[in-house]
Amino acid sequence: PEPIPEPELRPAVGTGPVLDPLPETHLEAVSGWITPGERWRLFKPKMSVGGSKDPGDNDIVFDIKQVSSRHALFELYPSGDIWVTDLGARNGTWVNGRQLVAKERCKIKPGDQIKLSQQLMLRVVRPGVEAAPDVASDKGLSGAGPGGARAPEPAPEQPPKADKKKTR
């Protein structure tokens, strides 16, 4: 007797929702106790970050005591929009130098810097997407205010005035 051929497996058509892929997006360490350049991919629509290692608490764990157990929530959309929400972190969540209030949700973009403590500064990275020109410097001195308005830039430092010799 000849072996019976196995049926050919084909993907089902029209049996489930079509899922839009999420744009490849990473959090990259800029400074702090983590090696600069180290990356973590945001691979789900909602990802929590924090210090807790308890199962189910965080998708990305930062073992730094100044990072709250459930520190922040990152949301990623197929459109490319990215949002971060402070989850009531004791040391706060900072976006481009501006501290979010507890439970505040803020739209972010590639190049933006997210500070979770003095020991952890992250940058949003999307391969193939250049950072916007108005992104804050590594010092985190500027940022968006409520409603997306940018805080005024500090006045440039004036050079010291030269001593004028007194003439009589």
C-alpha atoms as a PDB file:
ATOM      1  CA  PRO A   1       0.000   0.000   0.000  1.00  0.00           C
ATOM      2  CA  GLU A   2       1.134   3.539  -0.817  1.00  0.00           C
ATOM      3  CA  PRO A   3       1.364   6.149   1.953  1.00  0.00           C
ATOM      4  CA  ILE A   4      -1.491   8.593   2.096  1.00  0.00           C
ATOM      5  CA  PRO A   5      -0.206  12.112   1.339  1.00  0.00           C
ATOM      6  CA  GLU A   6      -0.681  14.622   4.112  1.00  0.00           C
ATOM      7  CA  PRO A   7      -3.010  17.494   3.298  1.00  0.00           C
ATOM      8  CA  GLU A   8      -1.290  20.713   2.289  1.00  0.00           C
ATOM      9  CA  LEU A   9      -1.470  23.346   5.017  1.00  0.00           C
ATOM     10  CA  ARG A  10      -2.574  26.777   3.845  1.00  0.00           C
ATOM     11  CA  PRO A  11      -3.241  29.893   5.861  1.00  0.00           C
ATOM     12  CA  ALA A  12      -6.898  30.563   6.477  1.00  0.00           C
ATOM     13  CA  VAL A  13      -8.242  33.470   4.469  1.00  0.00           C
ATOM     14  CA  GLY A  14     -10.586  35.981   6.077  1.00  0.00           C
ATOM     15  CA  THR A  15     -10.755  34.158   9.400  1.00  0.00           C
ATOM     16  CA  GLY A  16      -9.382  36.875  11.672  1.00  0.00           C
ATOM     17  CA  PRO A  17      -8.664  40.553  12.003  1.00  0.00           C
ATOM     18  CA  VAL A  18      -5.905  42.050   9.907  1.00  0.00           C
ATOM     19  CA  LEU A  19      -3.330  43.437  12.297  1.00  0.00           C
ATOM     20  CA  ASP A  20      -1.384  46.520  11.286  1.00  0.00           C
ATOM     21  CA  PRO A  21       2.284  46.024  12.049  1.00  0.00           C
ATOM     22  CA  LEU A  22       3.822  48.346  14.600  1.00  0.00           C
ATOM     23  CA  PRO A  23       6.741  50.466  13.362  1.00  0.00           C
ATOM     24  CA  GLU A  24      10.068  49.241  14.714  1.00  0.00           C
ATOM     25  CA  THR A  25      10.775  51.459  17.704  1.00  0.00           C
ATOM     26  CA  HIS A  26      13.417  51.214  20.436  1.00  0.00           C
ATOM     27  CA  LEU A  27      14.395  52.848  23.693  1.00  0.00           C
ATOM     28  CA  GLU A  28      18.146  53.467  23.679  1.00  0.00           C
ATOM     29  CA  ALA A  29      20.251  54.199  26.749  1.00  0.00           C
ATOM     30  CA  VAL A  30      21.882  57.630  26.558  1.00  0.00           C
ATOM     31  CA  SER A  31      23.417  57.907  30.016  1.00  0.00           C
ATOM     32  CA  GLY A  32      23.246  56.573  33.538  1.00  0.00           C
ATOM     33  CA  TRP A  33      23.983  53.173  35.014  1.00  0.00           C
ATOM     34  CA  ILE A  34      23.041  51.366  31.807  1.00  0.00           C
ATOM     35  CA  THR A  35      25.583  51.007  28.995  1.00  0.00           C
ATOM     36  CA  PRO A  36      25.011  53.866  26.508  1.00  0.00           C
ATOM     37  CA  GLY A  37      23.723  52.495  23.217  1.00  0.00           C
ATOM     38  CA  GLU A  38      21.957  49.491  24.772  1.00  0.00           C
ATOM     39  CA  ARG A  39      18.465  49.126  23.240  1.00  0.00           C
ATOM     40  CA  TRP A  40      15.084  47.695  24.151  1.00  0.00           C
ATOM     41  CA  ARG A  41      12.460  47.201  21.446  1.00  0.00           C
ATOM     42  CA  LEU A  42       8.895  48.400  21.953  1.00  0.00           C
ATOM     43  CA  PHE A  43       7.200  45.391  20.361  1.00  0.00           C
ATOM     44  CA  LYS A  44       3.651  45.581  21.738  1.00  0.00           C
ATOM     45  CA  PRO A  45       1.008  48.332  21.592  1.00  0.00           C
ATOM     46  CA  LYS A  46       1.394  48.938  25.354  1.00  0.00           C
ATOM     47  CA  MET A  47       4.603  48.291  27.254  1.00  0.00           C
ATOM     48  CA  SER A  48       5.292  49.126  30.871  1.00  0.00           C
ATOM     49  CA  VAL A  49       8.774  49.843  32.180  1.00  0.00           C
ATOM     50  CA  GLY A  50       9.978  49.888  35.763  1.00  0.00           C
ATOM     51  CA  GLY A  51      12.105  48.256  38.398  1.00  0.00           C
ATOM     52  CA  SER A  52       9.777  45.433  39.461  1.00  0.00           C
ATOM     53  CA  LYS A  53      10.818  41.942  38.395  1.00  0.00           C
ATOM     54  CA  ASP A  54       7.457  40.447  39.419  1.00  0.00           C
ATOM     55  CA  PRO A  55       5.867  38.535  36.530  1.00  0.00           C
ATOM     56  CA  GLY A  56       3.347  40.666  34.690  1.00  0.00           C
ATOM     57  CA  ASP A  57       4.486  43.980  36.191  1.00  0.00           C
ATOM     58  CA  ASN A  58       6.789  45.227  33.423  1.00  0.00           C
ATOM     59  CA  ASP A  59       7.717  44.405  29.878  1.00  0.00           C
ATOM     60  CA  ILE A  60      11.122  46.082  30.322  1.00  0.00           C
ATOM     61  CA  VAL A  61      12.820  45.912  33.726  1.00  0.00           C
ATOM     62  CA  PHE A  62      15.507  48.394  34.789  1.00  0.00           C
ATOM     63  CA  ASP A  63      17.258  47.104  37.906  1.00  0.00           C
ATOM     64  CA  ILE A  64      17.980  50.578  39.268  1.00  0.00           C
ATOM     65  CA  LYS A  65      16.615  51.458  42.712  1.00  0.00           C
ATOM     66  CA  GLN A  66      15.687  55.030  41.652  1.00  0.00           C
ATOM     67  CA  VAL A  67      13.325  53.625  38.984  1.00  0.00           C
ATOM     68  CA  SER A  68       9.864  52.958  40.453  1.00  0.00           C
ATOM     69  CA  SER A  69       8.446  49.437  40.379  1.00  0.00           C
ATOM     70  CA  ARG A  70       5.928  50.470  37.671  1.00  0.00           C
ATOM     71  CA  HIS A  71       7.435  53.692  36.367  1.00  0.00           C
ATOM     72  CA  ALA A  72       6.032  54.495  32.907  1.00  0.00           C
ATOM     73  CA  LEU A  73       3.845  53.132  30.133  1.00  0.00           C
ATOM     74  CA  PHE A  74       4.807  53.425  26.461  1.00  0.00           C
ATOM     75  CA  GLU A  75       2.089  53.148  23.807  1.00  0.00           C
ATOM     76  CA  LEU A  76       2.901  52.489  20.163  1.00  0.00           C
ATOM     77  CA  TYR A  77       0.400  52.795  17.307  1.00  0.00           C
ATOM     78  CA  PRO A  78       0.506  51.493  13.708  1.00  0.00           C
ATOM     79  CA  SER A  79       0.344  55.144  12.553  1.00  0.00           C
ATOM     80  CA  GLY A  80       3.751  55.659  14.157  1.00  0.00           C
ATOM     81  CA  ASP A  81       2.449  57.711  17.091  1.00  0.00           C
ATOM     82  CA  ILE A  82       4.221  57.050  20.397  1.00  0.00           C
ATOM     83  CA  TRP A  83       2.955  58.107  23.824  1.00  0.00           C
ATOM     84  CA  VAL A  84       4.464  57.846  27.302  1.00  0.00           C
ATOM     85  CA  THR A  85       2.519  58.025  30.564  1.00  0.00           C
ATOM     86  CA  ASP A  86       4.031  58.570  34.011  1.00  0.00           C
ATOM     87  CA  LEU A  87       2.551  55.915  36.317  1.00  0.00           C
ATOM     88  CA  GLY A  88       3.034  57.960  39.487  1.00  0.00           C
ATOM     89  CA  ALA A  89       6.775  57.309  39.711  1.00  0.00           C
ATOM     90  CA  ARG A  90       8.400  58.696  42.867  1.00  0.00           C
ATOM     91  CA  ASN A  91      11.300  60.247  40.878  1.00  0.00           C
ATOM     92  CA  GLY A  92       9.071  61.272  38.012  1.00  0.00           C
ATOM     93  CA  THR A  93       9.235  60.812  34.267  1.00  0.00           C
ATOM     94  CA  TRP A  94      10.856  63.564  32.232  1.00  0.00           C
ATOM     95  CA  VAL A  95      10.430  64.211  28.493  1.00  0.00           C
ATOM     96  CA  ASN A  96      13.077  66.459  26.949  1.00  0.00           C
ATOM     97  CA  GLY A  97      13.749  68.101  30.306  1.00  0.00           C
ATOM     98  CA  ARG A  98      10.112  68.632  31.317  1.00  0.00           C
ATOM     99  CA  GLN A  99       8.723  66.592  34.202  1.00  0.00           C
ATOM    100  CA  LEU A 100       5.360  64.965  33.572  1.00  0.00           C
ATOM    101  CA  VAL A 101       2.822  65.170  36.366  1.00  0.00           C
ATOM    102  CA  ALA A 102       1.635  61.849  37.794  1.00  0.00           C
ATOM    103  CA  LYS A 103      -0.562  59.991  35.290  1.00  0.00           C
ATOM    104  CA  GLU A 104       0.194  62.565  32.547  1.00  0.00           C
ATOM    105  CA  ARG A 105       0.257  61.173  29.003  1.00  0.00           C
ATOM    106  CA  CYS A 106       2.634  62.860  26.533  1.00  0.00           C
ATOM    107  CA  LYS A 107       3.143  62.319  22.797  1.00  0.00           C
ATOM    108  CA  ILE A 108       6.775  61.622  21.932  1.00  0.00           C
ATOM    109  CA  LYS A 109       8.737  61.077  18.720  1.00  0.00           C
ATOM    110  CA  PRO A 110      12.045  59.607  17.575  1.00  0.00           C
ATOM    111  CA  GLY A 111      14.927  61.547  19.101  1.00  0.00           C
ATOM    112  CA  ASP A 112      13.027  62.561  22.233  1.00  0.00           C
ATOM    113  CA  GLN A 113      14.752  61.882  25.532  1.00  0.00           C
ATOM    114  CA  ILE A 114      13.008  60.176  28.420  1.00  0.00           C
ATOM    115  CA  LYS A 115      14.566  60.395  31.885  1.00  0.00           C
ATOM    116  CA  LEU A 116      13.361  57.883  34.467  1.00  0.00           C
ATOM    117  CA  SER A 117      15.880  58.958  37.118  1.00  0.00           C
ATOM    118  CA  GLN A 118      19.278  60.648  37.403  1.00  0.00           C
ATOM    119  CA  GLN A 119      20.677  57.165  36.702  1.00  0.00           C
ATOM    120  CA  LEU A 120      18.708  56.459  33.503  1.00  0.00           C
ATOM    121  CA  MET A 121      18.277  58.607  30.389  1.00  0.00           C
ATOM    122  CA  LEU A 122      16.725  56.994  27.299  1.00  0.00           C
ATOM    123  CA  ARG A 123      16.206  58.168  23.722  1.00  0.00           C
ATOM    124  CA  VAL A 124      13.392  57.082  21.383  1.00  0.00           C
ATOM    125  CA  VAL A 125      14.903  55.534  18.243  1.00  0.00           C
ATOM    126  CA  ARG A 126      13.208  54.395  15.052  1.00  0.00           C
ATOM    127  CA  PRO A 127      15.524  52.892  12.415  1.00  0.00           C
ATOM    128  CA  GLY A 128      15.442  54.935   9.218  1.00  0.00           C
ATOM    129  CA  VAL A 129      13.843  57.956  10.902  1.00  0.00           C
ATOM    130  CA  GLU A 130      15.985  60.958  11.689  1.00  0.00           C
ATOM    131  CA  ALA A 131      15.372  62.820  14.929  1.00  0.00           C
ATOM    132  CA  ALA A 132      13.418  66.044  14.510  1.00  0.00           C
ATOM    133  CA  PRO A 133      15.611  69.169  14.575  1.00  0.00           C
ATOM    134  CA  ASP A 134      13.890  70.585  17.669  1.00  0.00           C
ATOM    135  CA  VAL A 135      14.834  67.622  19.866  1.00  0.00           C
ATOM    136  CA  ALA A 136      16.403  68.572  23.182  1.00  0.00           C
ATOM    137  CA  SER A 137      20.105  68.245  23.705  1.00  0.00           C
ATOM    138  CA  ASP A 138      21.618  65.523  25.874  1.00  0.00           C
ATOM    139  CA  LYS A 139      21.418  67.994  28.764  1.00  0.00           C
ATOM    140  CA  GLY A 140      17.613  67.880  28.601  1.00  0.00           C
ATOM    141  CA  LEU A 141      17.202  71.631  28.968  1.00  0.00           C
ATOM    142  CA  SER A 142      14.189  72.187  26.763  1.00  0.00           C
ATOM    143  CA  GLY A 143      10.892  70.432  26.249  1.00  0.00           C
ATOM    144  CA  ALA A 144       7.240  70.648  25.420  1.00  0.00           C
ATOM    145  CA  GLY A 145       4.882  72.171  27.910  1.00  0.00           C
ATOM    146  CA  PRO A 146       1.224  71.287  28.494  1.00  0.00           C
ATOM    147  CA  GLY A 147      -0.700  70.915  25.276  1.00  0.00           C
ATOM    148  CA  GLY A 148       2.479  70.354  23.300  1.00  0.00           C
ATOM    149  CA  ALA A 149       3.649  73.987  23.535  1.00  0.00           C
ATOM    150  CA  ARG A 150       7.398  74.284  23.775  1.00  0.00           C
ATOM    151  CA  ALA A 151       8.910  75.908  26.807  1.00  0.00           C
ATOM    152  CA  PRO A 152      10.864  79.069  25.994  1.00  0.00           C
ATOM    153  CA  GLU A 153      14.551  78.489  25.415  1.00  0.00           C
ATOM    154  CA  PRO A 154      16.837  80.016  28.041  1.00  0.00           C
ATOM    155  CA  ALA A 155      18.501  83.249  26.976  1.00  0.00           C
ATOM    156  CA  PRO A 156      22.001  82.716  25.628  1.00  0.00           C
ATOM    157  CA  GLU A 157      24.717  83.317  28.144  1.00  0.00           C
ATOM    158  CA  GLN A 158      26.232  86.772  27.697  1.00  0.00           C
ATOM    159  CA  PRO A 159      30.029  87.032  27.542  1.00  0.00           C
ATOM    160  CA  PRO A 160      31.554  88.839  30.519  1.00  0.00           C
ATOM    161  CA  LYS A 161      31.938  92.556  29.967  1.00  0.00           C
ATOM    162  CA  ALA A 162      35.486  93.737  29.566  1.00  0.00           C
ATOM    163  CA  ASP A 163      36.799  95.950  32.316  1.00  0.00           C
ATOM    164  CA  LYS A 164      36.921  99.504  31.082  1.00  0.00           C
ATOM    165  CA  LYS A 165      39.895 101.493  32.202  1.00  0.00           C
ATOM    166  CA  LYS A 166      38.888 104.623  33.954  1.00  0.00           C
ATOM    167  CA  THR A 167      40.228 107.719  32.296  1.00  0.00           C
ATOM    168  CA  ARG A 168      40.288 111.155  33.859  1.00  0.00           C
END
